[in-house]
């Protein structure tokens, strides 16, 4: 099983990872705001993630890490 780690303080909420997820598991936080004032992305269901790392590849801020 893969583990996806989001560095929420580095995320600018661009949403590219949301669009890249083939299972629609990545969402922007609705009630969370990071230190930079953005809504950071996060995973809705870790157990359903296949670990494809498309989200990490699309992140321009390298704020996502996938461990297998």
N, C-alpha and C. Protein backbone atom coordinates (compact mmCIF):
# COMPACT_ATOMS: atom_id res chain seq x y z
N UNK A 1 0.85 -1.18 0.00
CA UNK A 1 0.00 0.00 0.00
C UNK A 1 0.89 1.24 0.00
N UNK A 2 0.50 2.22 -0.75
CA UNK A 2 1.24 3.48 -0.84
C UNK A 2 0.75 4.46 0.22
N UNK A 3 1.67 5.32 0.64
CA UNK A 3 1.33 6.39 1.56
C UNK A 3 1.61 7.71 0.86
N UNK A 4 0.63 8.58 0.85
CA UNK A 4 0.79 9.89 0.22
C UNK A 4 0.88 10.94 1.31
N UNK A 5 1.94 11.75 1.24
CA UNK A 5 2.17 12.79 2.24
C UNK A 5 2.07 14.15 1.55
N UNK A 6 1.18 14.97 2.05
CA UNK A 6 1.00 16.33 1.54
C UNK A 6 1.68 17.31 2.50
N UNK A 7 2.58 18.13 1.98
CA UNK A 7 3.22 19.17 2.77
C UNK A 7 2.30 20.39 2.70
N UNK A 8 1.36 20.45 3.62
CA UNK A 8 0.30 21.46 3.54
C UNK A 8 0.81 22.89 3.63
N UNK A 9 1.93 23.10 4.31
CA UNK A 9 2.47 24.46 4.43
C UNK A 9 3.09 24.95 3.12
N UNK A 10 3.43 24.03 2.22
CA UNK A 10 4.04 24.40 0.95
C UNK A 10 3.04 24.45 -0.20
N UNK A 11 1.85 23.92 0.02
CA UNK A 11 0.82 23.86 -1.02
C UNK A 11 0.21 25.25 -1.26
N UNK A 12 0.05 25.59 -2.54
CA UNK A 12 -0.58 26.88 -2.87
C UNK A 12 -2.00 26.69 -3.41
N UNK A 13 -2.50 25.45 -3.36
CA UNK A 13 -3.88 25.19 -3.73
C UNK A 13 -4.18 25.38 -5.20
N UNK A 14 -3.23 25.08 -6.07
CA UNK A 14 -3.44 25.29 -7.51
C UNK A 14 -4.44 24.29 -8.10
N UNK A 15 -4.56 23.10 -7.48
CA UNK A 15 -5.53 22.12 -7.93
C UNK A 15 -5.05 21.19 -9.04
N UNK A 16 -3.81 21.29 -9.46
CA UNK A 16 -3.31 20.40 -10.50
C UNK A 16 -3.32 18.94 -10.05
N UNK A 17 -3.03 18.71 -8.79
CA UNK A 17 -3.05 17.34 -8.26
C UNK A 17 -4.48 16.78 -8.23
N UNK A 18 -5.44 17.64 -7.98
CA UNK A 18 -6.84 17.23 -7.96
C UNK A 18 -7.24 16.71 -9.34
N UNK A 19 -6.84 17.42 -10.37
CA UNK A 19 -7.16 17.03 -11.74
C UNK A 19 -6.40 15.79 -12.16
N UNK A 20 -5.21 15.57 -11.61
CA UNK A 20 -4.37 14.45 -12.03
C UNK A 20 -4.77 13.11 -11.42
N UNK A 21 -5.48 13.12 -10.31
CA UNK A 21 -5.82 11.87 -9.62
C UNK A 21 -6.86 11.08 -10.41
N UNK A 22 -6.49 9.87 -10.87
CA UNK A 22 -7.45 9.08 -11.66
C UNK A 22 -8.62 8.53 -10.84
N UNK A 23 -8.47 8.49 -9.54
CA UNK A 23 -9.54 7.96 -8.68
C UNK A 23 -10.32 9.07 -7.96
N UNK A 24 -10.01 10.32 -8.26
CA UNK A 24 -10.65 11.48 -7.63
C UNK A 24 -10.56 11.44 -6.11
N UNK A 25 -9.39 11.10 -5.59
CA UNK A 25 -9.18 11.02 -4.14
C UNK A 25 -8.54 12.27 -3.56
N UNK A 26 -8.02 13.13 -4.41
CA UNK A 26 -7.36 14.36 -3.94
C UNK A 26 -8.35 15.51 -4.03
N UNK A 27 -8.48 16.24 -2.94
CA UNK A 27 -9.40 17.39 -2.89
C UNK A 27 -8.71 18.55 -2.20
N UNK A 28 -9.13 19.76 -2.52
CA UNK A 28 -8.65 20.93 -1.81
C UNK A 28 -9.43 21.06 -0.51
N UNK A 29 -8.74 21.44 0.55
CA UNK A 29 -9.38 21.57 1.85
C UNK A 29 -10.46 22.63 1.85
N UNK A 30 -11.62 22.27 2.33
CA UNK A 30 -12.73 23.22 2.38
C UNK A 30 -12.67 24.11 3.61
N UNK A 31 -12.16 23.56 4.71
CA UNK A 31 -12.16 24.28 5.97
C UNK A 31 -10.76 24.53 6.52
N UNK A 32 -9.74 24.22 5.72
CA UNK A 32 -8.36 24.36 6.17
C UNK A 32 -7.65 25.43 5.35
N UNK A 33 -6.92 26.29 6.02
CA UNK A 33 -6.11 27.31 5.36
C UNK A 33 -4.71 27.21 5.93
N UNK A 34 -3.70 27.15 5.05
CA UNK A 34 -2.32 27.03 5.53
C UNK A 34 -1.74 28.41 5.87
N UNK A 35 -0.48 28.43 6.26
CA UNK A 35 0.18 29.66 6.70
C UNK A 35 0.28 30.70 5.58
N UNK A 36 0.25 30.25 4.34
CA UNK A 36 0.33 31.17 3.20
C UNK A 36 -1.04 31.71 2.78
N UNK A 37 -2.10 31.20 3.40
CA UNK A 37 -3.44 31.66 3.10
C UNK A 37 -4.15 30.88 2.02
N UNK A 38 -3.62 29.71 1.66
CA UNK A 38 -4.22 28.88 0.62
C UNK A 38 -4.94 27.68 1.23
N UNK A 39 -5.85 27.12 0.46
CA UNK A 39 -6.53 25.88 0.86
C UNK A 39 -5.68 24.72 0.35
N UNK A 40 -4.97 24.01 1.22
CA UNK A 40 -4.08 22.94 0.77
C UNK A 40 -4.83 21.68 0.35
N UNK A 41 -4.22 20.94 -0.54
CA UNK A 41 -4.79 19.68 -1.01
C UNK A 41 -4.55 18.58 0.00
N UNK A 42 -5.39 17.56 -0.07
CA UNK A 42 -5.25 16.41 0.80
C UNK A 42 -5.95 15.21 0.19
N UNK A 43 -5.72 14.06 0.77
CA UNK A 43 -6.29 12.81 0.28
C UNK A 43 -7.56 12.49 1.06
N UNK A 44 -8.60 12.09 0.36
CA UNK A 44 -9.86 11.79 1.03
C UNK A 44 -9.92 10.38 1.57
N UNK A 45 -9.22 9.43 0.92
CA UNK A 45 -9.24 8.03 1.37
C UNK A 45 -7.89 7.38 1.05
N UNK A 46 -7.02 7.34 2.05
CA UNK A 46 -5.67 6.79 1.88
C UNK A 46 -5.70 5.33 1.43
N UNK A 47 -6.65 4.55 1.95
CA UNK A 47 -6.69 3.11 1.64
C UNK A 47 -7.10 2.84 0.19
N UNK A 48 -7.77 3.77 -0.46
CA UNK A 48 -8.19 3.59 -1.84
C UNK A 48 -7.14 4.04 -2.84
N UNK A 49 -6.09 4.69 -2.36
CA UNK A 49 -5.04 5.21 -3.24
C UNK A 49 -4.18 4.06 -3.78
N UNK A 50 -3.93 4.08 -5.09
CA UNK A 50 -3.13 3.04 -5.74
C UNK A 50 -1.64 3.36 -5.73
N UNK A 51 -1.29 4.60 -5.39
CA UNK A 51 0.11 5.01 -5.36
C UNK A 51 0.68 5.33 -6.73
N UNK A 52 -0.15 5.73 -7.66
CA UNK A 52 0.31 6.02 -9.02
C UNK A 52 1.26 7.22 -9.09
N UNK A 53 1.16 8.11 -8.11
CA UNK A 53 2.02 9.30 -7.98
C UNK A 53 1.76 10.36 -9.05
N UNK A 54 0.65 10.30 -9.74
CA UNK A 54 0.31 11.35 -10.70
C UNK A 54 0.19 12.70 -10.01
N UNK A 55 -0.36 12.69 -8.81
CA UNK A 55 -0.52 13.94 -8.05
C UNK A 55 0.85 14.57 -7.76
N UNK A 56 1.80 13.75 -7.34
CA UNK A 56 3.14 14.25 -7.01
C UNK A 56 3.86 14.75 -8.25
N UNK A 57 3.68 14.08 -9.37
CA UNK A 57 4.32 14.50 -10.61
C UNK A 57 3.78 15.83 -11.11
N UNK A 58 2.51 16.11 -10.86
CA UNK A 58 1.90 17.34 -11.34
C UNK A 58 2.16 18.54 -10.43
N UNK A 59 2.55 18.30 -9.18
CA UNK A 59 2.70 19.39 -8.22
C UNK A 59 3.90 20.27 -8.56
N UNK A 60 3.66 21.55 -8.89
CA UNK A 60 4.78 22.44 -9.23
C UNK A 60 5.60 22.86 -8.01
N UNK A 61 5.06 22.66 -6.81
CA UNK A 61 5.76 23.06 -5.59
C UNK A 61 6.42 21.89 -4.88
N UNK A 62 6.37 20.71 -5.45
CA UNK A 62 6.93 19.48 -4.87
C UNK A 62 6.43 19.34 -3.42
N UNK A 63 5.14 19.52 -3.25
CA UNK A 63 4.53 19.46 -1.92
C UNK A 63 3.88 18.10 -1.64
N UNK A 64 4.05 17.14 -2.54
CA UNK A 64 3.45 15.82 -2.39
C UNK A 64 4.52 14.76 -2.52
N UNK A 65 4.51 13.82 -1.58
CA UNK A 65 5.47 12.73 -1.60
C UNK A 65 4.71 11.41 -1.52
N UNK A 66 5.05 10.46 -2.38
CA UNK A 66 4.40 9.15 -2.38
C UNK A 66 5.44 8.11 -1.97
N UNK A 67 5.14 7.41 -0.89
CA UNK A 67 6.02 6.34 -0.40
C UNK A 67 5.35 5.01 -0.66
N UNK A 68 6.11 4.08 -1.20
CA UNK A 68 5.55 2.75 -1.50
C UNK A 68 6.17 1.72 -0.62
